[in-house]
N, C-alpha and C. Protein backbone atom coordinates (compact mmCIF):
# COMPACT_ATOMS: atom_id res chain seq x y z
N MET A 1 0.76 -1.48 -0.19
CA MET A 1 0.25 -0.19 0.11
C MET A 1 0.80 1.63 -0.01
N MET A 2 0.79 2.49 -0.81
CA MET A 2 1.34 3.61 -0.93
C MET A 2 1.37 4.28 0.09
N PRO A 3 2.35 4.73 0.65
CA PRO A 3 2.29 5.63 1.90
C PRO A 3 1.30 6.90 1.51
N PHE A 4 0.66 7.68 2.13
CA PHE A 4 -0.36 8.89 1.79
C PHE A 4 0.74 9.91 1.96
N ILE A 5 0.44 11.11 0.50
CA ILE A 5 1.79 11.81 0.66
C ILE A 5 0.89 12.76 0.66
N HIS A 6 1.25 14.00 1.70
CA HIS A 6 0.09 15.35 1.50
C HIS A 6 0.39 16.29 0.82
N ILE A 7 -0.09 16.92 -0.07
CA ILE A 7 0.08 18.09 -0.88
C ILE A 7 -0.43 19.30 -0.94
N ASP A 8 0.26 20.31 -0.62
CA ASP A 8 -0.54 21.69 -0.60
C ASP A 8 0.00 22.29 -2.14
N LEU A 9 -1.37 22.51 -2.14
CA LEU A 9 -2.02 22.67 -3.51
C LEU A 9 -1.14 23.85 -4.02
N LEU A 10 -1.41 25.26 -2.96
CA LEU A 10 -0.99 26.32 -3.45
C LEU A 10 0.45 26.17 -3.64
N GLU A 11 1.10 25.75 -2.43
CA GLU A 11 2.79 25.32 -2.76
C GLU A 11 3.04 24.50 -4.67
N LEU A 12 2.22 23.36 -4.32
CA LEU A 12 2.71 23.04 -5.71
C LEU A 12 2.26 23.90 -6.83
N ILE A 13 1.39 24.53 -7.14
CA ILE A 13 1.35 25.86 -8.21
C ILE A 13 2.34 26.80 -8.23
N LEU A 14 2.48 27.15 -6.84
CA LEU A 14 3.63 28.03 -7.06
C LEU A 14 5.07 27.51 -7.70
N LYS A 15 5.68 26.34 -7.12
CA LYS A 15 6.68 25.84 -7.64
C LYS A 15 6.42 25.77 -9.46
N GLY A 16 5.21 25.64 -9.84
CA GLY A 16 4.95 24.99 -11.13
C GLY A 16 5.07 26.40 -11.91
N LEU A 17 4.69 27.63 -11.27
CA LEU A 17 4.43 28.86 -11.91
C LEU A 17 6.15 29.05 -12.22
N LEU A 18 7.02 28.79 -10.97
CA LEU A 18 8.49 29.08 -10.84
C LEU A 18 8.95 28.28 -11.55
N ILE A 19 9.11 27.12 -12.18
CA ILE A 19 9.22 26.46 -13.17
C ILE A 19 9.32 26.82 -14.74
N GLY A 20 8.22 27.29 -14.52
CA GLY A 20 7.79 27.76 -16.17
C GLY A 20 8.74 29.03 -16.47
N ILE A 21 8.64 29.61 -15.80
CA ILE A 21 9.34 31.29 -15.57
C ILE A 21 10.54 30.92 -15.79
N ILE A 22 11.34 29.80 -14.91
CA ILE A 22 12.61 29.56 -15.14
C ILE A 22 13.22 28.97 -16.58
N ALA A 23 12.72 28.13 -16.79
CA ALA A 23 12.91 27.39 -18.20
C ALA A 23 12.48 28.09 -19.35
N SER A 24 12.01 29.28 -19.34
CA SER A 24 11.60 30.49 -20.57
C SER A 24 12.28 31.22 -20.60
N ALA A 25 12.39 32.18 -19.12
CA ALA A 25 13.23 33.33 -19.34
C ALA A 25 14.45 33.02 -19.83
N PRO A 26 15.58 32.66 -20.00
CA PRO A 26 16.99 32.69 -20.01
C PRO A 26 16.96 33.25 -22.07
N MET A 27 17.96 34.25 -22.23
CA MET A 27 17.58 34.95 -23.76
C MET A 27 18.30 33.64 -24.88
N GLY A 28 17.70 32.68 -25.32
CA GLY A 28 18.41 31.81 -26.01
C GLY A 28 17.35 32.20 -27.30
N PRO A 29 17.56 31.23 -28.07
CA PRO A 29 17.22 31.89 -29.64
C PRO A 29 15.91 32.06 -29.94
N VAL A 30 14.81 31.61 -29.01
CA VAL A 30 13.35 31.91 -29.16
C VAL A 30 13.28 33.49 -28.64
N GLY A 31 14.29 33.39 -27.15
CA GLY A 31 14.00 34.80 -26.46
C GLY A 31 13.86 35.89 -27.41
N ILE A 32 15.21 35.24 -28.04
CA ILE A 32 15.87 36.53 -29.23
C ILE A 32 14.99 36.73 -30.35
N LEU A 33 14.16 35.53 -30.74
CA LEU A 33 12.98 35.41 -31.91
C LEU A 33 12.05 36.46 -31.24
N CYS A 34 11.64 35.96 -30.05
CA CYS A 34 10.43 36.91 -29.31
C CYS A 34 10.54 38.58 -29.26
N ILE A 35 11.51 38.66 -29.05
CA ILE A 35 11.86 40.39 -28.76
C ILE A 35 11.61 40.55 -30.47
N GLN A 36 12.64 40.08 -31.20
CA GLN A 36 12.86 40.52 -32.34
C GLN A 36 11.14 40.78 -32.81
N ARG A 37 10.47 39.70 -32.93
CA ARG A 37 9.27 39.82 -33.88
C ARG A 37 8.44 40.40 -33.30
N THR A 38 8.78 41.05 -31.54
CA THR A 38 7.68 41.93 -30.97
C THR A 38 8.35 43.59 -31.57
N LEU A 39 9.61 43.42 -31.58
CA LEU A 39 9.78 45.11 -32.19
C LEU A 39 9.27 45.17 -33.65
N ASN A 40 10.11 44.46 -34.28
CA ASN A 40 9.34 43.96 -35.83
C ASN A 40 7.90 44.12 -36.08
N LYS A 41 7.20 43.49 -35.51
CA LYS A 41 5.80 42.68 -36.33
C LYS A 41 4.72 43.18 -35.49
N GLY A 42 4.98 43.54 -33.98
CA GLY A 42 4.26 43.99 -33.21
C GLY A 42 3.89 42.39 -31.75
N ARG A 43 3.38 43.29 -30.69
CA ARG A 43 3.48 42.65 -30.05
C ARG A 43 2.94 41.18 -29.55
N TRP A 44 1.78 41.10 -30.45
CA TRP A 44 0.95 39.79 -30.61
C TRP A 44 1.93 38.67 -31.09
N TYR A 45 2.43 39.24 -32.17
CA TYR A 45 3.43 38.11 -32.68
C TYR A 45 4.69 37.94 -32.05
N GLY A 46 5.19 38.85 -31.17
CA GLY A 46 6.21 38.44 -30.33
C GLY A 46 5.37 37.24 -28.91
N PHE A 47 4.28 37.55 -28.41
CA PHE A 47 3.44 36.74 -27.57
C PHE A 47 3.54 34.93 -28.21
N VAL A 48 2.86 34.84 -29.57
CA VAL A 48 2.61 33.96 -30.10
C VAL A 48 3.82 33.31 -30.46
N THR A 49 4.70 33.74 -30.13
CA THR A 49 6.13 33.17 -30.15
C THR A 49 6.87 32.52 -29.33
N GLY A 50 6.41 33.53 -28.11
CA GLY A 50 6.59 32.40 -26.85
C GLY A 50 5.29 31.46 -26.91
N ILE A 51 4.14 31.91 -27.25
CA ILE A 51 3.35 30.28 -26.86
C ILE A 51 4.04 28.92 -27.32
N GLY A 52 4.07 29.52 -28.93
CA GLY A 52 4.78 28.23 -29.29
C GLY A 52 6.10 27.48 -28.46
N ALA A 53 6.76 28.03 -27.85
CA ALA A 53 8.04 28.34 -27.11
C ALA A 53 7.27 27.30 -26.08
N ALA A 54 6.13 27.91 -25.57
CA ALA A 54 5.61 27.47 -23.93
C ALA A 54 4.95 25.84 -23.93
N VAL A 55 4.37 25.61 -25.39
CA VAL A 55 3.95 24.05 -26.06
C VAL A 55 5.18 23.23 -25.93
N SER A 56 6.19 23.60 -26.60
CA SER A 56 7.12 22.70 -26.68
C SER A 56 7.98 22.77 -25.02
N ASP A 57 8.02 23.71 -24.00
CA ASP A 57 8.33 23.49 -23.09
C ASP A 57 7.37 22.14 -22.03
N ILE A 58 6.10 22.69 -22.45
CA ILE A 58 4.99 21.60 -21.32
C ILE A 58 5.36 19.94 -21.94
N ILE A 59 5.58 19.79 -23.32
CA ILE A 59 5.76 18.57 -23.98
C ILE A 59 6.83 18.07 -22.84
N TYR A 60 8.16 18.70 -22.88
CA TYR A 60 9.33 18.19 -22.32
C TYR A 60 9.48 18.10 -20.94
N ALA A 61 8.29 18.83 -20.12
CA ALA A 61 8.23 19.10 -18.72
C ALA A 61 7.78 17.49 -18.38
N LEU A 62 6.35 17.37 -19.11
CA LEU A 62 5.47 16.31 -19.05
C LEU A 62 6.46 14.98 -19.33
N ILE A 63 7.12 14.93 -20.35
CA ILE A 63 8.22 13.73 -20.49
C ILE A 63 8.75 13.56 -19.10
N THR A 64 9.60 14.70 -18.83
CA THR A 64 10.65 14.30 -17.74
C THR A 64 9.75 14.08 -16.61
N GLY A 65 8.50 14.45 -16.17
CA GLY A 65 7.97 14.05 -15.03
C GLY A 65 7.56 12.84 -15.24
N LEU A 66 7.21 11.84 -16.10
CA LEU A 66 6.80 10.88 -16.74
C LEU A 66 8.13 10.13 -16.04
N GLY A 67 9.15 10.17 -16.65
CA GLY A 67 10.31 9.54 -16.57
C GLY A 67 10.62 9.60 -15.17
N MET A 68 10.30 10.52 -13.86
CA MET A 68 11.04 10.75 -12.84
C MET A 68 10.03 9.97 -12.27
N SER A 69 8.69 9.95 -12.19
CA SER A 69 7.84 9.21 -11.69
C SER A 69 8.23 7.32 -11.60
N PHE A 70 8.86 7.34 -12.21
CA PHE A 70 8.97 6.00 -12.44
C PHE A 70 10.24 5.59 -11.53
N VAL A 71 10.94 6.46 -11.23
CA VAL A 71 11.94 6.50 -10.03
C VAL A 71 11.78 6.72 -8.53
N MET A 72 10.32 7.34 -8.26
CA MET A 72 10.24 7.52 -7.28
C MET A 72 10.41 7.06 -5.85
N ASP A 73 10.69 5.96 -5.69
CA ASP A 73 11.14 4.93 -4.60
C ASP A 73 12.71 5.48 -4.84
N PHE A 74 13.36 5.40 -5.51
CA PHE A 74 14.86 6.01 -5.39
C PHE A 74 14.86 7.23 -5.09
N ILE A 75 14.24 8.61 -5.61
CA ILE A 75 14.29 9.40 -5.28
C ILE A 75 13.84 10.22 -3.76
N THR A 76 12.69 9.13 -2.95
CA THR A 76 12.38 9.89 -1.87
C THR A 76 12.87 8.96 -0.79
N ASN A 77 14.29 8.10 -1.26
CA ASN A 77 15.07 7.92 -0.20
C ASN A 77 15.46 9.48 0.32
N PRO A 78 15.83 9.45 1.62
CA PRO A 78 16.51 10.69 2.49
C PRO A 78 17.77 11.09 1.86
N THR A 79 18.73 9.94 1.74
CA THR A 79 19.49 10.18 1.19
C THR A 79 19.74 10.73 -0.46
N ASN A 80 18.90 9.79 -1.24
CA ASN A 80 19.21 10.41 -2.39
C ASN A 80 18.67 11.59 -3.11
N LYS A 81 17.78 11.75 -2.22
CA LYS A 81 16.62 13.08 -2.64
C LYS A 81 17.81 14.23 -2.11
N PHE A 82 18.41 14.17 -1.03
CA PHE A 82 19.30 15.22 -0.84
C PHE A 82 20.95 15.26 -1.81
N ILE A 83 20.81 14.43 -2.49
CA ILE A 83 22.10 14.29 -3.58
C ILE A 83 21.29 15.18 -4.75
N LEU A 84 20.26 14.71 -4.77
CA LEU A 84 19.27 15.30 -6.40
C LEU A 84 19.42 16.72 -5.88
N GLN A 85 18.92 16.87 -4.97
CA GLN A 85 18.16 18.65 -4.57
C GLN A 85 19.42 19.20 -4.84
N LEU A 86 20.63 18.54 -4.12
CA LEU A 86 21.93 19.03 -4.15
C LEU A 86 22.52 19.81 -5.77
N SER A 87 22.29 18.46 -6.47
CA SER A 87 22.76 18.12 -7.54
C SER A 87 22.03 19.30 -8.45
N GLY A 88 20.43 19.77 -7.77
CA GLY A 88 19.67 20.20 -8.70
C GLY A 88 19.94 21.56 -8.71
N SER A 89 20.55 22.21 -7.25
CA SER A 89 20.92 23.31 -6.90
C SER A 89 21.77 23.93 -7.75
N ALA A 90 23.31 23.00 -7.68
CA ALA A 90 24.62 22.71 -8.50
C ALA A 90 23.93 23.25 -9.99
N ILE A 91 23.53 22.69 -10.62
CA ILE A 91 23.10 22.60 -12.15
C ILE A 91 22.05 24.03 -12.18
N LEU A 92 21.69 24.66 -11.37
CA LEU A 92 21.12 25.80 -11.82
C LEU A 92 21.88 27.02 -11.37
N LEU A 93 22.53 26.82 -10.10
CA LEU A 93 23.77 27.94 -10.49
C LEU A 93 24.48 27.80 -11.64
N LEU A 94 25.32 26.86 -12.01
CA LEU A 94 25.57 27.06 -13.19
C LEU A 94 25.07 27.45 -14.52
N PHE A 95 23.79 27.44 -14.69
CA PHE A 95 22.73 27.47 -15.73
C PHE A 95 22.85 28.95 -15.47
N GLY A 96 22.92 28.98 -14.00
CA GLY A 96 22.50 31.08 -14.12
C GLY A 96 23.84 31.61 -14.58
N ILE A 97 25.00 31.01 -14.20
CA ILE A 97 26.34 31.55 -14.26
C ILE A 97 26.80 31.60 -15.77
N TYR A 98 25.70 30.58 -16.62
CA TYR A 98 26.46 30.51 -18.03
C TYR A 98 25.66 31.87 -18.73
N CYS A 99 24.46 31.81 -18.21
CA CYS A 99 23.11 32.74 -18.67
C CYS A 99 23.97 33.80 -18.00
N PHE A 100 24.54 34.35 -17.30
CA PHE A 100 25.07 35.63 -16.53
C PHE A 100 25.99 35.77 -18.12
N ARG A 101 27.30 35.18 -18.37
CA ARG A 101 28.32 35.38 -19.07
C ARG A 101 28.17 35.44 -20.66
N SER A 102 26.99 34.46 -20.93
CA SER A 102 26.80 34.56 -22.51
C SER A 102 26.31 35.71 -22.84
N ASP A 103 26.98 35.72 -24.30
CA ASP A 103 25.89 36.93 -25.03
C ASP A 103 25.65 36.20 -25.80
N PRO A 104 23.75 36.33 -25.67
CA PRO A 104 22.88 35.98 -26.67
C PRO A 104 22.94 36.70 -28.28
N ARG A 105 23.52 37.70 -28.48
CA ARG A 105 23.57 38.68 -29.46
C ARG A 105 24.33 37.86 -30.67
N LYS A 106 25.56 37.08 -30.31
CA LYS A 106 26.74 36.16 -31.05
C LYS A 106 25.69 35.69 -32.01
N ASN A 107 24.49 34.79 -31.94
CA ASN A 107 24.11 33.83 -32.53
C ASN A 107 22.61 34.37 -32.89
N MET A 108 22.80 35.46 -32.83
CA MET A 108 21.08 35.83 -33.46
C MET A 108 21.12 35.97 -34.86
N HIS A 109 19.93 35.86 -35.50
CA HIS A 109 19.95 35.87 -36.79
C HIS A 109 18.51 37.26 -37.06
N LYS A 110 18.57 37.85 -37.98
CA LYS A 110 17.48 38.80 -38.57
C LYS A 110 16.37 37.84 -38.50
N SER A 111 15.36 38.74 -37.92
CA SER A 111 14.00 37.93 -38.00
C SER A 111 13.09 38.50 -39.38
N SER A 112 12.71 37.53 -39.80
CA SER A 112 11.94 38.00 -41.47
C SER A 112 11.28 39.71 -41.26
N GLN A 113 11.33 40.20 -42.03
CA GLN A 113 10.08 41.44 -41.99
C GLN A 113 8.92 41.12 -42.18
N SER A 114 8.71 40.01 -43.34
CA SER A 114 7.57 39.52 -43.27
C SER A 114 6.30 38.94 -42.11
N LYS A 115 5.38 39.45 -42.28
CA LYS A 115 4.84 39.32 -40.80
C LYS A 115 4.43 37.60 -40.50
N GLY A 116 3.39 37.15 -41.85
CA GLY A 116 3.10 35.95 -41.98
C GLY A 116 1.74 35.87 -40.62
N THR A 117 1.10 34.84 -40.57
CA THR A 117 0.46 34.47 -39.95
C THR A 117 0.73 34.59 -38.33
N LEU A 118 -0.29 34.74 -37.31
CA LEU A 118 0.24 34.08 -35.96
C LEU A 118 0.31 32.49 -35.86
N TRP A 119 -0.44 32.02 -36.55
CA TRP A 119 -0.14 30.43 -36.30
C TRP A 119 1.25 30.33 -37.10
N HIS A 120 1.72 30.65 -37.65
CA HIS A 120 3.03 30.62 -38.30
C HIS A 120 4.05 30.80 -37.26
N ASN A 121 4.19 31.89 -36.95
CA ASN A 121 5.16 32.57 -36.08
C ASN A 121 4.84 31.96 -34.54
N ALA A 122 4.03 30.96 -34.30
CA ALA A 122 4.37 30.23 -33.07
C ALA A 122 4.45 28.72 -33.24
N LEU A 123 4.38 28.21 -34.54
CA LEU A 123 4.73 27.21 -35.08
C LEU A 123 6.36 26.93 -35.11
N THR A 124 6.90 28.09 -36.05
CA THR A 124 8.13 28.16 -35.84
C THR A 124 8.77 28.42 -34.63
N ALA A 125 8.34 29.10 -33.56
CA ALA A 125 8.55 28.90 -32.58
C ALA A 125 8.66 27.81 -31.45
N PHE A 126 7.67 26.75 -31.63
CA PHE A 126 7.68 25.46 -31.33
C PHE A 126 8.61 24.31 -31.95
N LEU A 127 9.13 24.71 -33.29
CA LEU A 127 9.71 23.69 -33.87
C LEU A 127 11.41 24.47 -33.29
N VAL A 128 11.75 25.38 -33.27
CA VAL A 128 12.98 25.99 -32.87
C VAL A 128 13.25 25.74 -31.45
N THR A 129 11.95 25.61 -30.76
CA THR A 129 12.00 25.11 -29.07
C THR A 129 12.39 23.38 -28.89
N PHE A 130 11.41 22.72 -29.89
CA PHE A 130 11.28 21.50 -29.93
C PHE A 130 12.86 21.21 -30.28
N SER A 131 13.24 21.66 -30.78
CA SER A 131 14.52 20.81 -31.77
C SER A 131 15.96 20.99 -30.40
N ASN A 132 15.43 21.53 -29.21
CA ASN A 132 16.50 21.53 -28.23
C ASN A 132 16.31 20.73 -27.19
N PRO A 133 16.49 19.14 -27.20
CA PRO A 133 15.97 18.45 -25.90
C PRO A 133 16.66 18.69 -24.90
N LEU A 134 17.66 19.60 -24.99
CA LEU A 134 18.74 19.69 -23.51
C LEU A 134 17.73 20.49 -22.49
N ILE A 135 16.62 20.93 -22.78
CA ILE A 135 16.17 21.36 -21.92
C ILE A 135 15.26 20.17 -20.54
N VAL A 136 15.61 19.23 -21.15
CA VAL A 136 15.00 18.10 -20.05
C VAL A 136 15.90 18.54 -19.15
N PHE A 137 17.50 18.39 -19.06
CA PHE A 137 18.16 18.53 -17.77
C PHE A 137 17.78 19.64 -17.07
N LEU A 138 17.23 20.77 -17.70
CA LEU A 138 16.95 21.72 -16.84
C LEU A 138 15.77 21.54 -15.86
N PHE A 139 14.84 21.05 -16.25
CA PHE A 139 13.30 20.61 -15.57
C PHE A 139 13.60 19.25 -14.56
N ILE A 140 15.23 18.46 -14.83
CA ILE A 140 15.19 17.59 -14.29
C ILE A 140 15.95 18.10 -12.78
N ALA A 141 16.46 19.19 -13.03
CA ALA A 141 17.46 19.79 -11.98
C ALA A 141 16.00 20.48 -10.99
N CYS A 142 15.15 21.18 -11.74
CA CYS A 142 14.30 22.04 -11.30
C CYS A 142 13.42 21.30 -10.30
N TYR A 143 12.87 19.66 -10.86
CA TYR A 143 12.10 18.83 -10.49
C TYR A 143 12.45 18.20 -9.13
N ALA A 144 14.12 18.06 -9.10
CA ALA A 144 14.29 17.60 -8.21
C ALA A 144 14.62 18.58 -6.78
N GLN A 145 15.21 19.57 -7.05
CA GLN A 145 15.31 20.73 -6.03
C GLN A 145 14.20 21.29 -5.49
N PHE A 146 12.67 21.42 -6.07
CA PHE A 146 11.57 21.50 -5.57
C PHE A 146 11.00 20.32 -5.01
N ALA A 147 11.28 19.20 -5.54
CA ALA A 147 10.52 17.95 -5.43
C ALA A 147 9.14 18.11 -5.71
N PHE A 148 9.01 18.68 -7.09
CA PHE A 148 7.68 18.63 -7.49
C PHE A 148 7.16 17.46 -8.43
N VAL A 149 7.49 16.37 -8.40
CA VAL A 149 6.95 15.32 -8.49
C VAL A 149 6.43 14.51 -7.55
N VAL A 150 4.96 14.67 -7.28
CA VAL A 150 4.28 13.73 -6.76
C VAL A 150 3.54 12.66 -7.07
N PRO A 151 4.07 11.15 -6.89
CA PRO A 151 3.56 10.14 -7.77
C PRO A 151 1.77 9.88 -7.19
N HIS A 152 1.23 9.00 -8.03
CA HIS A 152 -0.33 8.65 -7.48
C HIS A 152 -1.39 9.80 -7.37
N HIS A 153 -1.04 10.86 -7.89
CA HIS A 153 -1.99 11.89 -7.38
C HIS A 153 -2.13 12.90 -8.82
N PRO A 154 -2.54 11.84 -10.03
CA PRO A 154 -2.89 12.50 -11.48
C PRO A 154 -3.43 14.08 -11.12
N LEU A 155 -4.63 13.91 -10.81
CA LEU A 155 -5.09 15.59 -10.32
C LEU A 155 -4.11 16.55 -9.89
N GLU A 156 -3.31 16.52 -9.08
CA GLU A 156 -2.94 17.46 -8.37
C GLU A 156 -1.82 17.61 -9.35
N MET A 157 -1.10 16.62 -10.13
CA MET A 157 0.09 16.83 -11.22
C MET A 157 -0.29 17.35 -12.10
N THR A 158 -1.73 17.26 -12.52
CA THR A 158 -2.05 17.70 -13.77
C THR A 158 -2.11 19.64 -13.60
N LEU A 159 -2.59 19.71 -12.42
CA LEU A 159 -2.78 21.19 -12.07
C LEU A 159 -1.16 21.75 -11.71
N GLY A 160 -0.42 20.97 -11.33
CA GLY A 160 1.10 21.47 -11.30
C GLY A 160 1.55 21.80 -13.07
N TYR A 161 1.45 20.98 -13.94
CA TYR A 161 2.07 21.00 -15.32
C TYR A 161 1.24 22.23 -15.50
N MET A 162 -0.08 22.47 -15.10
CA MET A 162 -0.77 23.91 -16.17
C MET A 162 -0.28 24.60 -15.65
N SER A 163 0.53 24.97 -13.95
CA SER A 163 1.19 25.77 -13.40
C SER A 163 2.47 26.40 -14.25
N ILE A 164 3.35 25.22 -14.28
CA ILE A 164 4.34 25.42 -15.28
C ILE A 164 3.62 26.05 -16.84
N ILE A 165 3.05 25.40 -17.84
CA ILE A 165 2.71 26.31 -18.81
C ILE A 165 2.28 28.06 -18.22
N SER A 166 1.46 27.99 -17.30
CA SER A 166 1.17 29.28 -17.22
C SER A 166 2.06 30.35 -16.72
N GLY A 167 3.38 29.60 -15.84
CA GLY A 167 4.51 30.66 -15.97
C GLY A 167 5.03 31.31 -17.04
N ALA A 168 5.00 29.81 -17.72
CA ALA A 168 6.04 30.46 -19.05
C ALA A 168 4.85 31.62 -19.98
N LEU A 169 3.88 31.28 -20.17
CA LEU A 169 2.62 32.37 -20.62
C LEU A 169 3.12 33.47 -20.05
N LEU A 170 3.02 33.09 -18.40
CA LEU A 170 3.22 34.49 -17.98
C LEU A 170 5.10 35.71 -18.10
N TRP A 171 5.75 34.72 -18.15
CA TRP A 171 6.83 35.51 -18.72
C TRP A 171 6.74 36.08 -20.30
N TRP A 172 6.35 35.35 -21.24
CA TRP A 172 6.30 35.77 -22.70
C TRP A 172 5.14 36.95 -22.39
N TYR A 173 4.57 36.97 -21.81
CA TYR A 173 3.44 37.98 -22.17
C TYR A 173 4.17 39.23 -21.26
N GLY A 174 5.00 39.16 -20.16
CA GLY A 174 5.34 40.19 -19.65
C GLY A 174 6.57 40.80 -20.42
N LEU A 175 7.38 39.67 -20.72
CA LEU A 175 8.57 40.08 -21.77
C LEU A 175 7.89 41.11 -22.54
N THR A 176 6.84 40.60 -23.73
CA THR A 176 6.47 41.11 -24.86
C THR A 176 5.71 42.77 -24.69
N TRP A 177 4.97 42.63 -23.10
CA TRP A 177 4.38 44.30 -22.79
C TRP A 177 5.63 45.26 -22.65
N LEU A 178 6.66 44.99 -21.69
CA LEU A 178 7.63 45.45 -21.36
C LEU A 178 8.55 45.78 -22.73
N VAL A 179 8.94 45.10 -23.58
CA VAL A 179 9.59 45.18 -24.76
C VAL A 179 8.38 46.45 -25.23
N ASP A 180 7.41 46.21 -26.04
CA ASP A 180 6.50 47.01 -26.51
C ASP A 180 6.46 48.62 -26.05
N LYS A 181 6.68 48.07 -24.52
CA LYS A 181 6.66 49.56 -23.77
C LYS A 181 7.68 50.55 -23.96
N VAL A 182 8.40 49.78 -24.34
CA VAL A 182 10.23 50.62 -24.02
C VAL A 182 10.90 50.66 -25.74
N ARG A 183 9.96 50.16 -26.89
CA ARG A 183 10.33 50.11 -28.08
C ARG A 183 11.11 51.01 -28.66
N ALA A 184 10.88 52.41 -28.24
CA ALA A 184 11.34 53.30 -28.61
C ALA A 184 12.78 53.59 -27.98
N LYS A 185 13.14 52.51 -27.03
CA LYS A 185 14.85 53.08 -26.61
C LYS A 185 15.11 51.70 -26.39
N PHE A 186 14.38 50.66 -26.98
CA PHE A 186 15.35 49.17 -27.15
C PHE A 186 16.06 48.83 -28.05
N ASP A 187 17.23 48.73 -27.77
CA ASP A 187 18.11 48.25 -28.52
C ASP A 187 18.41 46.65 -28.36
N MET A 188 19.65 46.42 -29.14
CA MET A 188 20.19 45.00 -29.03
C MET A 188 20.93 44.64 -27.76
N ASN A 189 21.61 45.81 -27.23
CA ASN A 189 22.09 45.75 -26.01
C ASN A 189 21.21 45.50 -24.62
N GLY A 190 19.57 45.96 -25.12
CA GLY A 190 18.81 45.67 -24.34
C GLY A 190 18.57 43.98 -23.61
N ILE A 191 19.21 43.41 -24.97
CA ILE A 191 18.71 41.53 -24.82
C ILE A 191 19.63 41.39 -23.84
N GLN A 192 21.25 42.37 -24.00
CA GLN A 192 22.00 41.65 -22.98
C GLN A 192 22.05 41.44 -21.93
N ILE A 193 21.10 42.92 -21.38
CA ILE A 193 21.10 43.05 -19.94
C ILE A 193 19.57 42.54 -19.60
N ILE A 194 18.78 42.25 -20.39
CA ILE A 194 18.25 41.09 -19.68
C ILE A 194 18.71 39.94 -19.64
N ASN A 195 19.08 39.12 -20.22
CA ASN A 195 20.19 38.04 -19.94
C ASN A 195 20.90 38.37 -18.86
N ARG A 196 21.62 39.18 -18.38
CA ARG A 196 22.36 39.14 -17.38
C ARG A 196 21.33 39.65 -16.09
N ILE A 197 20.61 40.71 -16.27
CA ILE A 197 19.63 40.43 -15.06
C ILE A 197 19.02 38.78 -14.18
N ILE A 198 18.04 38.00 -15.75
CA ILE A 198 18.41 36.82 -15.57
C ILE A 198 18.79 36.07 -14.86
N GLY A 199 20.45 35.99 -15.71
CA GLY A 199 21.48 35.08 -15.12
C GLY A 199 21.63 35.43 -13.27
N SER A 200 21.58 36.42 -12.84
CA SER A 200 21.84 37.19 -11.67
C SER A 200 20.73 36.27 -10.71
N LEU A 201 19.51 37.23 -11.37
CA LEU A 201 18.41 36.12 -10.47
C LEU A 201 18.70 34.74 -10.06
N VAL A 202 19.03 33.90 -11.34
CA VAL A 202 18.79 32.68 -10.82
C VAL A 202 20.25 31.93 -10.67
N ILE A 203 21.37 32.56 -9.83
CA ILE A 203 22.51 33.06 -9.64
C ILE A 203 21.74 32.79 -7.92
N VAL A 204 21.82 33.82 -7.41
CA VAL A 204 21.25 34.58 -6.34
C VAL A 204 20.47 33.43 -5.56
N PHE A 205 19.11 33.18 -6.39
CA PHE A 205 18.03 31.82 -6.27
C PHE A 205 18.69 30.50 -5.92
N SER A 206 19.92 30.44 -6.85
CA SER A 206 20.20 28.63 -6.90
C SER A 206 21.22 28.68 -5.59
N PHE A 207 22.54 29.81 -5.32
CA PHE A 207 22.84 29.65 -4.30
C PHE A 207 22.07 29.55 -3.03
N ALA A 208 21.09 30.42 -2.97
CA ALA A 208 20.26 30.28 -2.18
C ALA A 208 19.79 28.72 -1.22
N MET A 209 19.14 27.96 -2.68
CA MET A 209 18.52 27.29 -2.23
C MET A 209 19.84 25.71 -1.97
N LEU A 210 20.67 26.28 -2.53
CA LEU A 210 22.05 25.31 -2.08
C LEU A 210 22.51 25.58 -1.04
N ILE A 211 22.62 26.56 -0.28
CA ILE A 211 23.14 26.46 1.48
C ILE A 211 21.56 26.10 2.27
N GLY A 212 20.46 26.47 1.80
CA GLY A 212 19.41 25.80 2.63
C GLY A 212 19.43 24.46 2.71
N THR A 213 19.56 23.78 1.31
CA THR A 213 19.71 22.25 1.24
C THR A 213 20.66 21.80 1.73
N VAL A 214 22.11 22.50 2.03
CA VAL A 214 23.06 22.15 3.16
C VAL A 214 22.58 21.88 4.34
N PHE A 215 22.19 23.17 4.74
CA PHE A 215 21.99 23.80 6.30
C PHE A 215 20.46 22.80 6.67
N ASN A 216 19.46 22.43 5.59
CA ASN A 216 18.68 21.06 6.39
C ASN A 216 19.41 20.06 6.75
N LEU A 217 20.21 19.16 6.04
CA LEU A 217 21.30 18.45 5.92
C LEU A 217 21.88 18.61 7.41
N TYR A 218 22.53 19.64 7.47
CA TYR A 218 23.10 19.97 8.70
C TYR A 218 22.16 20.05 10.03
N THR A 219 20.80 20.03 9.76
CA THR A 219 20.15 20.53 11.01
C THR A 219 19.69 19.16 11.57
N ILE A 220 19.53 18.38 10.20
CA ILE A 220 18.46 16.52 10.68
C ILE A 220 20.15 16.19 11.62
N HIS A 221 21.02 15.95 10.70
CA HIS A 221 22.42 14.89 11.33
C HIS A 221 22.94 15.72 12.75
N TYR A 222 22.99 16.63 12.74
CA TYR A 222 23.63 17.39 13.98
C TYR A 222 22.61 18.17 14.96
């Protein structure tokens, strides 16, 4: 008989929102494409670009969650859970450092001036994002750190995954709103500034989680 697992729905929703934002925020190819389309074509073309990326992200989020649910006996072991959370924090920290130091402008491509349909813009963003399965490792790190996957609770986990895509859409909506508002003053240096701000936030957050994980182990064993 499976042990009862108490689930705080509000906490699960907040975790999902945060994971969705973390997965979407770095200025990778789709982030730059979103900004370029917002500037060149209009805010809603940028937003549907984000929607396409969010659909791809939720597919990989579901695949990652399904895979981790099969090894929950391993994950819920206190020692293994600590190792996974420690590793997850370290991966997020390295990800933040990479994000801060990288210059996304180096690999950017000129966005087409032809608007196309909203559907076409969303589809191309989906394909660009879906072609990079390495995001699975970011989801693994986030799931491990936040203890996000809870087996045998399909309704709660459905709500959690909906929160992930909601967090992603919230990010893309906010980004396109901001770029649209400052479009007269926004240049390509703005992309680098946004990327460094995101990297800094991820570094601070992951470092705090890393310290918290180690401190919890200390209090338990000593």
